[in-house]
Amino acid sequence: MATDDTAATQTPLLISKDFIRDLIDEDNRAGRFGGRVHTRFPPEPNGYLHIGHAKSIHLNYGIARDYGGKFNLRFDDTNPTKEEQEYVDAIMQDVRWLGADWEDRLFFASDYFDQLYEWAVQLIKAGKAYVCDLSADEIREYRGTLTEPGRESPYRNRSVEENLDLFERMRRGEFPDGSRTLRAKIDMASGNLNMRDPVLYRILRATHHRTGDKWCIYPMYDWAHGQSDSIEGITHSICTLEFEDHRPLYDWCLDALGIYHPRQIEFARLNLTYTVLSKRKLIDLVKRGIVRGWDDPRMPTICGLRRRGYTPEAIREFCNRIGVAKANSTVDYGLLEACVRDDLNKRAQRVMVVLKPLKVVIENWPAGKVEWVDADNNPEDPSAGTRKVPFSGELYIEQDDYREDAPKGWFRLGPGREVRLKHGYYITCREAIKDAAGNVIGLRCVYDPESASGVTPDGRKVQGTLHWVSAAHAVDAEVRLYEQLFSKPNPDDTPAGQDYTANLNPNSLTVLTGCKAEPSLADLSPNPQYKDGIHRFQFMRQGYFCLDPDSTPDRLVFNRTVTLKDTWAKVEKGTKRA
């Protein structure tokens, strides 16, 4: 399968105004930033992006586009022990796939390491930073609590000259990892713990994916983030709500340096039911082999959603619908699925695939005859046209479409019952073939040659319509049925002593082999209908599916993207027709 590296067709951005756009409007009216709007998406390359990041990308890129501004992609790569080029490449692919275009503005915080170091020296010279010999545990102890002020480090009042010397020697690698840090000198009694002399640099001997071994000291995120925004001329630094308490430090660093000062604005991050979006937990799922990798279709990662068959248009519409808020809340996963259904219902080709085959022999069908019937590709889109599907005297239908002791309201096959085969003829079941154990392994039926149009000369109609596949033309397939990875809306809702994995859904993946697909699905070439080239279908009466990259000419593999709105449970109860 082809990998999509092109920007997807754009759908409208946020439909209505939100508080962030209101603040930008205020800034523009006041002439702040000269009327410019310049945003950025600043991922750390220490994992793959997930659906929560999609909301941030959609917001940042959407604002820049709405206001005729600029959008940067910047990697905040300040922790080489957890960062890899693999993540950089994957993030770039995901951002492109979602439809965001950074043009020529791809940046890395590591691009600014020399400047960040010089600014740290400037703080030391101004008496606003010092080298501290406390260990990490001691720094936490001296920090105090929410109700008790912190204590000043015994190294806080070192002279400027001593601090400059020690900081330079830190850079040259004269001290062991973790033995010294550079800290801002702010206020150990501040009510905001982030302002109690935060660490700006730590000693860390690790090879960086871009700078190699040039540095053995690395800036902390809070030090690099704001200054990188400043260097790039960002106007509105849009962050999730957990950075609200960090905003005073963001402002303090920029003001202490006296450099260009963007405005930080926070919004509520995305929380989804039946999902974990903690990067730590996602890494844990991968490392423990609970999922097959970052792109496992059960994962909420962008690459996982893509492999499951979600479209960028559906994800952007989901972001439109949930909007932007200041208060945290949790969104039902069903809303995301509804957006996917709405998008695929308009675009996905309808095809016939039998997941659990039952052989049907039509006794009065002329021997050797094959009739190619016309089938609509998508009744929601007349321009999608039709295709030819082979109909023969031996077919496969679903095992569940036959019942010997059919309940009231059953509109599928049973002894003596008549149904319509989609795009084909009316058939009536005459006999069920059983094995020694009494299991039905085949059906013998007859067809009405005058029912091809779905209307017979005598005007009779049937209430059930079944999908089918010609046995002689069927393509073998494996179908993977995915459900939510967790069985509880809040996976962290566990008994004492258990972690979130206690709520894993044991039925999150069911693999069906021996499925039978109509021959049109054997085409593995990239699908021009979608910019990412992924084949997406509606399997009639089954749901929406996509072709998985594991597919080969000899082995087709399909992933269920999302179910149809009508469920088999309703059919079984007779409340809806098949």
Protein backbone atom coordinates (compact mmCIF):
# COMPACT_ATOMS: atom_id res chain seq x y z
CA MET A 1 0.00 0.00 0.00
CA ALA A 2 1.14 3.52 -0.71
CA THR A 3 1.89 5.85 2.17
CA ASP A 4 0.25 9.24 1.93
CA ASP A 5 2.68 12.14 2.11
CA THR A 6 0.41 14.75 0.60
CA ALA A 7 -1.89 17.23 2.24
CA ALA A 8 -5.48 16.03 2.34
CA THR A 9 -8.31 17.94 0.73
CA GLN A 10 -9.22 20.72 3.11
CA THR A 11 -12.53 20.76 4.94
CA PRO A 12 -13.79 23.90 6.69
CA LEU A 13 -11.99 24.78 9.86
CA LEU A 14 -13.73 25.57 13.14
CA ILE A 15 -17.26 26.51 12.23
CA SER A 16 -17.88 29.08 14.93
CA LYS A 17 -15.78 31.51 16.88
CA ASP A 18 -14.06 30.38 20.06
CA PHE A 19 -12.44 32.20 22.95
CA ILE A 20 -8.97 31.94 21.38
CA ARG A 21 -10.11 33.62 18.19
CA ASP A 22 -11.87 36.24 20.32
CA LEU A 23 -8.54 37.00 22.05
CA ILE A 24 -6.75 37.19 18.70
CA ASP A 25 -9.43 39.60 17.45
CA GLU A 26 -8.80 41.77 20.52
CA ASP A 27 -5.06 41.74 19.85
CA ASN A 28 -5.62 42.71 16.23
CA ARG A 29 -7.93 45.57 17.16
CA ALA A 30 -5.33 46.82 19.65
CA GLY A 31 -2.57 46.59 17.04
CA ARG A 32 -0.63 44.03 19.09
CA PHE A 33 1.94 42.18 16.98
CA GLY A 34 1.22 44.60 14.17
CA GLY A 35 -1.88 42.64 13.20
CA ARG A 36 0.19 39.52 12.48
CA VAL A 37 -0.97 36.00 13.38
CA HIS A 38 1.75 33.35 13.55
CA THR A 39 1.15 30.01 15.27
CA ARG A 40 3.10 26.79 15.66
CA PHE A 41 2.69 23.13 16.57
CA PRO A 42 5.59 22.15 18.86
CA PRO A 43 5.69 18.36 19.39
CA GLU A 44 8.41 16.62 21.35
CA PRO A 45 9.82 13.82 19.16
CA ASN A 46 9.54 11.20 21.91
CA GLY A 47 6.53 9.28 20.58
CA TYR A 48 3.87 9.20 17.90
CA LEU A 49 1.07 11.75 17.64
CA HIS A 50 -2.43 10.87 18.86
CA ILE A 51 -5.94 12.23 18.37
CA GLY A 52 -5.35 14.88 21.05
CA HIS A 53 -2.49 16.28 18.99
CA ALA A 54 -4.81 16.35 15.99
CA LYS A 55 -7.00 18.83 17.86
CA SER A 56 -3.99 21.07 18.52
CA ILE A 57 -2.77 20.83 14.91
CA HIS A 58 -6.22 21.62 13.59
CA LEU A 59 -6.52 24.59 15.93
CA ASN A 60 -3.07 26.09 15.33
CA TYR A 61 -3.04 25.58 11.58
CA GLY A 62 -6.68 26.60 11.27
CA ILE A 63 -6.11 29.89 13.07
CA ALA A 64 -3.11 30.74 10.91
CA ARG A 65 -5.08 29.98 7.76
CA ASP A 66 -8.22 31.81 8.92
CA TYR A 67 -6.24 34.98 9.63
CA GLY A 68 -3.97 34.80 6.60
CA GLY A 69 -1.01 34.17 8.88
CA LYS A 70 1.82 31.66 9.17
CA PHE A 71 2.13 28.23 10.76
CA ASN A 72 5.36 26.58 11.92
CA LEU A 73 6.17 22.97 12.71
CA ARG A 74 8.83 22.98 15.42
CA PHE A 75 10.23 20.00 17.25
CA ASP A 76 11.02 20.78 20.88
CA ASP A 77 13.87 18.28 20.97
CA THR A 78 15.51 19.00 24.32
CA ASN A 79 15.63 15.46 25.78
CA PRO A 80 17.92 13.25 23.68
CA THR A 81 17.42 10.19 25.90
CA LYS A 82 13.83 9.79 24.68
CA GLU A 83 13.90 11.31 21.20
CA GLU A 84 14.47 9.54 17.89
CA GLN A 85 14.52 10.39 14.20
CA GLU A 86 11.81 7.75 13.74
CA TYR A 87 9.42 9.95 15.73
CA VAL A 88 10.41 13.07 13.77
CA ASP A 89 9.64 11.35 10.46
CA ALA A 90 6.36 9.92 11.72
CA ILE A 91 5.18 13.26 13.11
CA MET A 92 5.91 15.04 9.84
CA GLN A 93 3.94 12.42 7.93
CA ASP A 94 1.00 12.69 10.35
CA VAL A 95 0.86 16.49 10.27
CA ARG A 96 0.87 16.43 6.46
CA TRP A 97 -1.80 13.73 6.37
CA LEU A 98 -4.06 15.82 8.59
CA GLY A 99 -3.81 18.61 6.02
CA ALA A 100 -1.57 21.14 7.80
CA ASP A 101 1.11 22.82 5.68
CA TRP A 102 4.13 24.41 7.35
CA GLU A 103 5.57 25.35 3.92
CA ASP A 104 9.28 26.08 4.48
CA ARG A 105 8.95 26.67 8.23
CA LEU A 106 10.27 23.45 9.73
CA PHE A 107 12.33 24.15 12.85
CA PHE A 108 13.92 22.40 15.82
CA ALA A 109 14.62 23.78 19.27
CA SER A 110 18.08 22.26 18.81
CA ASP A 111 18.61 24.83 16.06
CA TYR A 112 18.69 27.41 18.85
CA PHE A 113 20.94 25.69 21.40
CA ASP A 114 23.77 28.19 20.93
CA GLN A 115 21.43 31.15 21.34
CA LEU A 116 19.73 29.59 24.36
CA TYR A 117 23.12 29.10 25.99
CA GLU A 118 24.05 32.75 25.37
CA TRP A 119 20.76 33.88 26.88
CA ALA A 120 21.42 31.71 29.94
CA VAL A 121 24.77 33.47 30.32
CA GLN A 122 22.90 36.78 30.06
CA LEU A 123 20.65 35.76 32.97
CA ILE A 124 23.67 34.81 35.06
CA LYS A 125 25.31 38.16 34.39
CA ALA A 126 22.09 39.90 35.43
CA GLY A 127 22.06 37.97 38.71
CA LYS A 128 18.91 36.09 37.65
CA ALA A 129 20.35 32.57 37.39
CA TYR A 130 22.80 30.47 39.38
CA VAL A 131 24.51 27.08 39.32
CA CYS A 132 23.11 24.77 42.01
CA ASP A 133 24.78 21.65 43.42
CA LEU A 134 21.65 20.15 44.96
CA SER A 135 20.60 16.75 43.65
CA ALA A 136 17.24 16.27 41.98
CA ASP A 137 15.80 14.79 45.17
CA GLU A 138 17.17 17.69 47.22
CA ILE A 139 15.71 20.24 44.81
CA ARG A 140 12.29 18.61 45.24
CA GLU A 141 12.71 18.66 49.02
CA TYR A 142 13.74 22.33 49.07
CA ARG A 143 10.90 23.23 46.74
CA GLY A 144 8.25 23.10 49.45
CA THR A 145 4.57 22.28 48.96
CA LEU A 146 1.39 24.02 47.89
CA THR A 147 0.88 25.14 51.49
CA GLU A 148 4.50 25.63 52.58
CA PRO A 149 7.09 27.91 50.95
CA GLY A 150 10.30 26.50 49.62
CA ARG A 151 13.77 26.98 51.04
CA GLU A 152 16.57 28.74 49.23
CA SER A 153 19.39 26.59 47.93
CA PRO A 154 22.66 27.08 49.84
CA TYR A 155 24.22 27.82 46.42
CA ARG A 156 21.71 30.50 45.50
CA ASN A 157 23.95 33.44 46.35
CA ARG A 158 27.06 32.44 44.50
CA SER A 159 28.77 35.34 42.77
CA VAL A 160 28.17 36.08 39.11
CA GLU A 161 31.79 35.21 38.36
CA GLU A 162 31.57 31.82 40.07
CA ASN A 163 28.29 31.01 38.31
CA LEU A 164 29.74 31.94 34.92
CA ASP A 165 32.78 29.77 35.54
CA LEU A 166 30.74 26.79 36.74
CA PHE A 167 28.25 27.05 33.88
CA GLU A 168 31.05 27.14 31.32
CA ARG A 169 32.65 24.10 32.95
CA MET A 170 29.26 22.34 32.88
CA ARG A 171 29.23 22.91 29.16
CA ARG A 172 32.77 21.55 28.78
CA GLY A 173 31.75 18.33 30.53
CA GLU A 174 33.84 18.67 33.69
CA PHE A 175 31.09 17.47 36.04
CA PRO A 176 29.13 14.20 36.30
CA ASP A 177 25.58 13.92 34.99
CA GLY A 178 23.05 15.27 37.45
CA SER A 179 25.66 16.83 39.75
CA ARG A 180 24.81 20.44 38.91
CA THR A 181 22.00 22.43 37.32
CA LEU A 182 21.44 25.99 36.24
CA ARG A 183 18.42 27.47 37.99
CA ALA A 184 16.53 30.71 37.54
CA LYS A 185 16.60 32.95 40.62
CA ILE A 186 12.97 33.96 41.08
CA ASP A 187 11.03 33.40 44.33
CA MET A 188 11.16 30.35 46.59
CA ALA A 189 8.07 31.59 48.43
CA SER A 190 5.95 31.97 45.30
CA GLY A 191 2.49 30.45 45.40
CA ASN A 192 3.26 28.97 41.99
CA LEU A 193 5.65 26.04 42.37
CA ASN A 194 6.95 26.60 38.84
CA MET A 195 8.39 29.95 39.95
CA ARG A 196 10.43 28.51 42.82
CA ASP A 197 13.82 28.73 41.13
CA PRO A 198 13.09 26.31 38.29
CA VAL A 199 15.87 24.34 36.61
CA LEU A 200 16.90 25.77 33.23
CA TYR A 201 19.75 23.39 32.32
CA ARG A 202 20.87 19.95 33.43
CA ILE A 203 24.00 17.92 32.72
CA LEU A 204 23.12 15.00 30.46
CA ARG A 205 25.58 13.01 28.38
CA ALA A 206 23.47 11.65 25.56
CA THR A 207 23.82 11.70 21.81
CA HIS A 208 21.27 14.02 20.26
CA HIS A 209 19.56 12.93 17.05
CA ARG A 210 20.60 16.20 15.35
CA THR A 211 23.50 17.75 17.29
CA GLY A 212 25.29 14.50 18.07
CA ASP A 213 27.68 14.87 21.02
CA LYS A 214 28.22 18.60 20.74
CA TRP A 215 26.37 19.25 23.99
CA CYS A 216 26.44 17.58 27.38
CA ILE A 217 24.06 20.11 28.91
CA TYR A 218 20.52 20.46 27.64
CA PRO A 219 17.88 23.12 28.24
CA MET A 220 14.68 22.26 30.04
CA TYR A 221 11.43 22.46 28.08
CA ASP A 222 10.23 25.56 29.95
CA TRP A 223 13.44 27.39 29.08
CA ALA A 224 13.56 26.38 25.43
CA HIS A 225 9.89 26.73 24.60
CA GLY A 226 9.26 30.43 25.11
CA GLN A 227 12.57 31.54 23.68
CA SER A 228 12.01 29.37 20.58
CA ASP A 229 8.63 31.05 20.15
CA SER A 230 10.37 34.40 20.41
CA ILE A 231 13.06 33.55 17.84
CA GLU A 232 10.42 32.41 15.34
CA GLY A 233 8.23 35.46 15.79
CA ILE A 234 5.25 33.46 17.04
CA THR A 235 2.38 35.75 18.03
CA HIS A 236 0.10 33.34 19.86
CA SER A 237 1.63 30.37 21.66
CA ILE A 238 -1.39 28.10 22.02
CA CYS A 239 -0.94 25.37 24.62
CA THR A 240 -3.08 22.87 26.48
CA LEU A 241 -4.44 23.69 29.90
CA GLU A 242 -1.70 21.97 31.92
CA PHE A 243 0.66 24.76 30.83
CA GLU A 244 -1.47 27.47 32.42
CA ASP A 245 0.59 27.32 35.63
CA HIS A 246 3.73 27.54 33.51
CA ARG A 247 2.67 30.77 31.82
CA PRO A 248 4.16 33.03 34.55
CA LEU A 249 7.52 31.33 33.98
CA TYR A 250 7.12 31.66 30.20
CA ASP A 251 6.52 35.39 30.69
CA TRP A 252 9.29 35.80 33.28
CA CYS A 253 11.98 34.29 31.04
CA LEU A 254 11.08 36.48 28.07
CA ASP A 255 10.84 39.63 30.20
CA ALA A 256 14.08 38.87 32.03
CA LEU A 257 15.86 38.66 28.69
CA GLY A 258 14.06 41.68 27.28
CA ILE A 259 13.28 39.94 23.98
CA TYR A 260 10.23 39.73 21.75
CA HIS A 261 7.30 38.39 23.77
CA PRO A 262 4.55 36.18 22.25
CA ARG A 263 1.26 35.65 24.05
CA GLN A 264 0.59 32.23 25.57
CA ILE A 265 -3.04 31.04 25.56
CA GLU A 266 -4.24 27.75 27.04
CA PHE A 267 -7.17 25.57 26.02
CA ALA A 268 -8.60 22.29 27.32
CA ARG A 269 -6.92 19.17 26.00
CA LEU A 270 -8.95 16.39 24.42
CA ASN A 271 -10.13 13.52 26.61
CA LEU A 272 -11.96 10.59 25.00
CA THR A 273 -13.96 7.78 26.55
CA TYR A 274 -12.54 4.24 26.31
CA THR A 275 -9.15 5.74 25.45
CA VAL A 276 -5.83 6.63 27.04
CA LEU A 277 -3.97 9.61 25.59
CA SER A 278 -1.07 9.66 28.02
CA LYS A 279 2.12 9.28 26.01
CA ARG A 280 3.60 7.27 28.87
CA LYS A 281 0.74 4.77 28.69
CA LEU A 282 0.82 4.58 24.91
CA ILE A 283 4.53 3.76 25.05
CA ASP A 284 3.76 1.19 27.75
CA LEU A 285 1.14 -0.49 25.54
CA VAL A 286 3.68 -0.78 22.73
CA LYS A 287 6.62 -1.94 24.84
CA ARG A 288 4.58 -4.59 26.66
CA GLY A 289 3.26 -5.98 23.41
CA ILE A 290 -0.36 -5.33 24.36
CA VAL A 291 -0.78 -3.82 20.89
CA ARG A 292 1.12 -4.63 17.71
CA GLY A 293 2.86 -1.29 17.50
CA TRP A 294 2.21 2.43 17.33
CA ASP A 295 0.06 1.96 14.23
CA ASP A 296 -2.12 -0.78 15.71
CA PRO A 297 -5.66 0.17 14.62
CA ARG A 298 -6.82 0.02 18.24
CA MET A 299 -4.42 2.80 19.19
CA PRO A 300 -5.59 6.45 19.28
CA THR A 301 -2.42 7.44 17.43
CA ILE A 302 -2.81 9.25 14.12
CA CYS A 303 -1.00 6.42 12.32
CA GLY A 304 -3.23 3.87 14.08
CA LEU A 305 -6.40 5.73 13.08
CA ARG A 306 -5.08 6.01 9.52
CA ARG A 307 -4.41 2.26 9.38
CA ARG A 308 -7.90 1.63 10.72
CA GLY A 309 -9.30 3.60 7.79
CA TYR A 310 -10.19 6.90 9.43
CA THR A 311 -9.90 9.86 7.06
CA PRO A 312 -8.27 13.22 7.80
CA GLU A 313 -11.52 14.90 6.76
CA ALA A 314 -13.44 12.97 9.42
CA ILE A 315 -10.88 13.84 12.10
CA ARG A 316 -11.00 17.52 11.17
CA GLU A 317 -14.81 17.47 11.28
CA PHE A 318 -14.59 15.86 14.72
CA CYS A 319 -12.37 18.75 15.83
CA ASN A 320 -14.93 21.16 14.39
CA ARG A 321 -17.75 19.59 16.35
CA ILE A 322 -16.04 19.44 19.74
CA GLY A 323 -14.81 23.04 19.42
CA VAL A 324 -12.39 24.76 21.77
CA ALA A 325 -13.06 25.28 25.45
CA LYS A 326 -11.24 26.52 28.53
CA ALA A 327 -12.56 23.83 30.92
CA ASN A 328 -11.56 20.18 30.74
CA SER A 329 -14.23 17.69 29.71
CA THR A 330 -14.48 14.22 28.20
CA VAL A 331 -15.86 13.55 24.71
CA ASP A 332 -17.71 10.35 23.89
CA TYR A 333 -15.76 8.22 21.41
CA GLY A 334 -19.03 7.67 19.58
CA LEU A 335 -18.85 11.23 18.26
CA LEU A 336 -15.56 10.48 16.51
CA GLU A 337 -17.05 7.32 15.04
CA ALA A 338 -20.09 9.29 13.86
CA CYS A 339 -17.83 11.72 12.00
CA VAL A 340 -16.09 8.80 10.31
CA ARG A 341 -19.41 7.23 9.32
CA ASP A 342 -20.71 10.51 7.93
CA ASP A 343 -17.62 10.96 5.78
CA LEU A 344 -17.35 7.40 4.53
CA ASN A 345 -21.08 7.11 3.89
CA LYS A 346 -20.70 9.83 1.26
CA ARG A 347 -17.53 8.46 -0.31
CA ALA A 348 -16.89 4.79 0.38
CA GLN A 349 -17.63 2.28 -2.37
CA ARG A 350 -20.19 -0.38 -1.49
CA VAL A 351 -18.95 -3.93 -1.97
CA MET A 352 -20.01 -7.42 -0.93
CA VAL A 353 -17.88 -9.48 1.44
CA VAL A 354 -19.05 -12.57 3.29
CA LEU A 355 -17.34 -12.86 6.67
CA LYS A 356 -18.60 -16.33 7.70
CA PRO A 357 -19.38 -18.15 4.46
CA LEU A 358 -22.22 -20.62 3.94
CA LYS A 359 -22.38 -22.30 0.49
CA VAL A 360 -25.58 -21.92 -1.53
CA VAL A 361 -26.26 -24.04 -4.60
CA ILE A 362 -29.01 -22.78 -6.93
CA GLU A 363 -30.39 -25.98 -8.36
CA ASN A 364 -32.26 -24.50 -11.32
CA TRP A 365 -29.44 -22.21 -12.47
CA PRO A 366 -28.16 -23.14 -15.95
CA ALA A 367 -24.94 -25.15 -15.67
CA GLY A 368 -21.80 -23.10 -16.28
CA LYS A 369 -23.67 -19.83 -16.74
CA VAL A 370 -22.17 -16.62 -15.31
CA GLU A 371 -24.16 -13.42 -15.38
CA TRP A 372 -22.48 -10.09 -14.70
CA VAL A 373 -24.95 -7.88 -12.88
CA ASP A 374 -24.77 -4.12 -12.39
CA ALA A 375 -24.07 -2.91 -8.85
CA ASP A 376 -24.17 0.67 -7.60
CA ASN A 377 -20.84 1.85 -6.24
CA ASN A 378 -22.46 4.32 -3.86
CA PRO A 379 -26.20 5.14 -3.75
CA GLU A 380 -25.30 8.37 -1.90
CA ASP A 381 -23.22 9.51 -4.90
CA PRO A 382 -24.75 8.82 -8.33
CA SER A 383 -21.54 10.05 -9.97
CA ALA A 384 -19.70 7.07 -8.47
CA GLY A 385 -21.20 4.91 -11.21
CA THR A 386 -21.61 1.14 -11.24
CA ARG A 387 -19.49 -1.99 -11.48
CA LYS A 388 -20.05 -5.50 -12.75
CA VAL A 389 -20.39 -8.33 -10.23
CA PRO A 390 -20.47 -12.01 -11.28
CA PHE A 391 -23.55 -14.09 -10.38
CA SER A 392 -23.42 -17.85 -10.74
CA GLY A 393 -25.13 -21.01 -9.58
CA GLU A 394 -22.94 -21.39 -6.51
CA LEU A 395 -22.74 -18.54 -4.03
CA TYR A 396 -21.67 -17.72 -0.51
CA ILE A 397 -23.95 -16.01 2.00
CA GLU A 398 -23.44 -15.34 5.70
CA GLN A 399 -23.96 -18.27 8.08
CA ASP A 400 -26.05 -15.98 10.25
CA ASP A 401 -28.45 -15.34 7.35
CA TYR A 402 -29.98 -18.80 7.71
CA ARG A 403 -32.07 -20.13 10.59
CA GLU A 404 -33.94 -23.34 10.69
CA ASP A 405 -36.10 -22.24 13.62
CA ALA A 406 -36.48 -18.61 12.56
CA PRO A 407 -38.11 -16.35 15.16
CA LYS A 408 -40.99 -13.99 14.48
CA GLY A 409 -39.84 -11.02 12.43
CA TRP A 410 -37.07 -13.01 10.74
CA PHE A 411 -36.65 -11.77 7.18
CA ARG A 412 -33.69 -13.83 6.07
CA LEU A 413 -33.41 -17.42 4.87
CA GLY A 414 -35.02 -20.43 6.46
CA PRO A 415 -36.79 -23.57 5.21
CA GLY A 416 -39.15 -22.50 2.44
CA ARG A 417 -38.35 -18.81 2.90
CA GLU A 418 -37.67 -16.43 0.01
CA VAL A 419 -35.21 -13.50 -0.01
CA ARG A 420 -33.70 -11.20 -2.57
CA LEU A 421 -30.00 -11.33 -3.33
CA LYS A 422 -28.71 -7.75 -3.66
CA HIS A 423 -28.35 -6.78 -7.34
CA GLY A 424 -29.48 -10.33 -8.22
CA TYR A 425 -32.51 -12.58 -8.01
CA TYR A 426 -35.07 -13.92 -5.56
CA ILE A 427 -34.08 -17.28 -4.14
CA THR A 428 -36.07 -19.76 -2.03
CA CYS A 429 -34.44 -22.24 0.32
CA ARG A 430 -35.43 -25.85 -0.40
CA GLU A 431 -33.02 -27.84 1.74
CA ALA A 432 -30.25 -27.45 4.32
CA ILE A 433 -27.21 -29.75 4.07
CA LYS A 434 -25.83 -30.82 7.45
CA ASP A 435 -22.71 -32.55 8.68
CA ALA A 436 -22.64 -35.53 11.05
CA ALA A 437 -22.95 -33.22 14.04
CA GLY A 438 -26.06 -31.58 12.67
CA ASN A 439 -24.39 -28.31 11.67
CA VAL A 440 -25.68 -26.62 8.53
CA ILE A 441 -22.85 -26.60 5.96
CA GLY A 442 -24.75 -25.71 2.81
CA LEU A 443 -28.11 -24.77 1.32
CA ARG A 444 -29.96 -25.87 -1.79
CA CYS A 445 -32.14 -23.17 -3.26
CA VAL A 446 -34.00 -22.24 -6.42
CA TYR A 447 -34.17 -18.85 -8.07
CA ASP A 448 -36.90 -16.97 -9.90
CA PRO A 449 -35.55 -16.03 -13.37
CA GLU A 450 -38.12 -13.23 -13.64
CA SER A 451 -36.99 -11.41 -10.46
CA ALA A 452 -33.81 -9.75 -11.70
CA SER A 453 -35.24 -6.25 -11.35
CA GLY A 454 -36.40 -6.91 -7.81
CA VAL A 455 -40.02 -6.91 -8.97
CA THR A 456 -41.73 -10.06 -10.27
CA PRO A 457 -44.53 -10.22 -12.81
CA ASP A 458 -46.97 -11.27 -10.09
CA GLY A 459 -45.99 -8.23 -8.02
CA ARG A 460 -44.81 -10.12 -4.96
CA LYS A 461 -42.10 -8.58 -2.81
CA VAL A 462 -39.79 -9.94 -0.16
CA GLN A 463 -38.71 -8.12 2.96
CA GLY A 464 -35.17 -9.45 3.26
CA THR A 465 -32.20 -8.59 1.05
CA LEU A 466 -28.90 -10.42 1.51
CA HIS A 467 -25.39 -9.80 0.27
CA TRP A 468 -23.53 -12.63 -1.43
CA VAL A 469 -20.40 -13.55 -3.40
CA SER A 470 -20.08 -15.88 -6.37
CA ALA A 471 -18.14 -18.93 -5.19
CA ALA A 472 -16.18 -19.39 -8.41
CA HIS A 473 -15.06 -15.75 -8.42
CA ALA A 474 -14.57 -15.16 -4.70
CA VAL A 475 -11.31 -13.73 -3.38
CA ASP A 476 -10.08 -15.12 -0.07
CA ALA A 477 -9.59 -12.53 2.64
CA GLU A 478 -8.72 -12.08 6.29
CA VAL A 479 -10.90 -9.58 8.12
CA ARG A 480 -9.89 -8.00 11.42
CA LEU A 481 -12.77 -6.77 13.55
CA TYR A 482 -11.63 -4.02 15.90
CA GLU A 483 -13.43 -2.71 18.96
CA GLN A 484 -12.39 -0.22 21.60
CA LEU A 485 -9.19 -1.20 23.38
CA PHE A 486 -10.72 -0.66 26.82
CA SER A 487 -13.95 -1.93 28.32
CA LYS A 488 -14.62 1.06 30.60
CA PRO A 489 -15.24 4.68 29.59
CA ASN A 490 -12.47 5.68 32.00
CA PRO A 491 -9.66 3.13 31.70
CA ASP A 492 -8.08 4.48 34.90
CA ASP A 493 -11.14 3.50 36.93
CA THR A 494 -9.60 0.39 38.48
CA PRO A 495 -9.60 -1.38 41.85
CA ALA A 496 -6.82 -0.53 44.25
CA GLY A 497 -3.53 -2.10 43.28
CA GLN A 498 -4.38 -2.46 39.57
CA ASP A 499 -3.37 -0.25 36.69
CA TYR A 500 -5.27 0.83 33.60
CA THR A 501 -4.52 -2.45 31.80
CA ALA A 502 -7.02 -4.18 34.10
CA ASN A 503 -9.69 -2.61 31.88
CA LEU A 504 -8.39 -3.94 28.56
CA ASN A 505 -11.17 -5.22 26.33
CA PRO A 506 -10.51 -8.93 25.62
CA ASN A 507 -12.61 -8.62 22.45
CA SER A 508 -10.76 -5.60 21.04
CA LEU A 509 -9.57 -7.71 18.08
CA THR A 510 -11.26 -10.65 16.39
CA VAL A 511 -9.55 -12.11 13.33
CA LEU A 512 -11.74 -13.88 10.75
CA THR A 513 -10.05 -16.05 8.14
CA GLY A 514 -11.62 -17.72 5.14
CA CYS A 515 -13.79 -14.70 4.31
CA LYS A 516 -15.00 -14.37 0.73
CA ALA A 517 -14.84 -11.06 -1.16
CA GLU A 518 -16.15 -10.04 -4.55
CA PRO A 519 -13.37 -9.98 -7.19
CA SER A 520 -13.27 -6.19 -7.54
CA LEU A 521 -11.44 -6.01 -4.21
CA ALA A 522 -8.37 -7.78 -5.55
CA ASP A 523 -6.94 -4.51 -6.92
CA LEU A 524 -4.06 -3.49 -4.64
CA SER A 525 -2.99 -0.38 -6.54
CA PRO A 526 -3.30 2.92 -4.63
CA ASN A 527 -6.86 4.18 -4.54
CA PRO A 528 -7.08 7.54 -6.35
CA GLN A 529 -10.35 8.31 -4.58
CA TYR A 530 -8.39 9.22 -1.43
CA LYS A 531 -5.21 11.28 -1.36
CA ASP A 532 -3.52 8.82 0.97
CA GLY A 533 -4.22 6.03 -1.54
CA ILE A 534 -5.94 3.83 1.06
CA HIS A 535 -8.82 1.66 -0.15
CA ARG A 536 -11.92 2.26 1.98
CA PHE A 537 -15.20 0.42 1.53
CA GLN A 538 -18.58 -0.18 3.00
CA PHE A 539 -19.04 -3.93 3.26
CA MET A 540 -22.77 -4.19 2.73
CA ARG A 541 -24.60 -4.83 6.01
CA GLN A 542 -21.27 -5.19 7.85
CA GLY A 543 -19.71 -1.78 8.31
CA TYR A 544 -16.86 0.29 6.92
CA PHE A 545 -13.53 -1.37 6.21
CA CYS A 546 -10.16 -0.55 4.69
CA LEU A 547 -7.43 -2.56 3.03
CA ASP A 548 -4.55 -3.16 5.44
CA PRO A 549 -0.88 -2.74 4.43
CA ASP A 550 -0.33 -6.42 5.30
CA SER A 551 -2.26 -7.32 2.13
CA THR A 552 -0.53 -9.15 -0.70
CA PRO A 553 -1.84 -10.40 -4.07
CA ASP A 554 -2.32 -13.81 -2.44
CA ARG A 555 -3.74 -12.58 0.86
CA LEU A 556 -6.11 -9.67 1.26
CA VAL A 557 -6.42 -8.22 4.76
CA PHE A 558 -9.17 -5.80 5.76
CA ASN A 559 -9.60 -3.78 8.95
CA ARG A 560 -13.01 -2.80 10.22
CA THR A 561 -12.99 0.97 10.50
CA VAL A 562 -16.36 1.45 12.16
CA THR A 563 -19.64 -0.43 12.37
CA LEU A 564 -22.87 0.61 10.69
CA LYS A 565 -25.46 2.41 12.80
CA ASP A 566 -27.81 -0.58 12.69
CA THR A 567 -26.50 -3.38 14.88
CA TRP A 568 -26.86 -7.12 14.61
CA ALA A 569 -28.37 -7.08 18.08
CA LYS A 570 -31.35 -5.15 16.74
CA VAL A 571 -31.68 -7.55 13.83
CA GLU A 572 -31.63 -10.56 16.14
CA LYS A 573 -34.45 -9.04 18.20
CA GLY A 574 -36.45 -8.50 15.03
CA THR A 575 -36.70 -4.75 15.53
CA LYS A 576 -35.08 -4.04 12.17
CA ARG A 577 -35.01 -5.84 8.89
CA ALA A 578 -31.79 -7.33 7.58
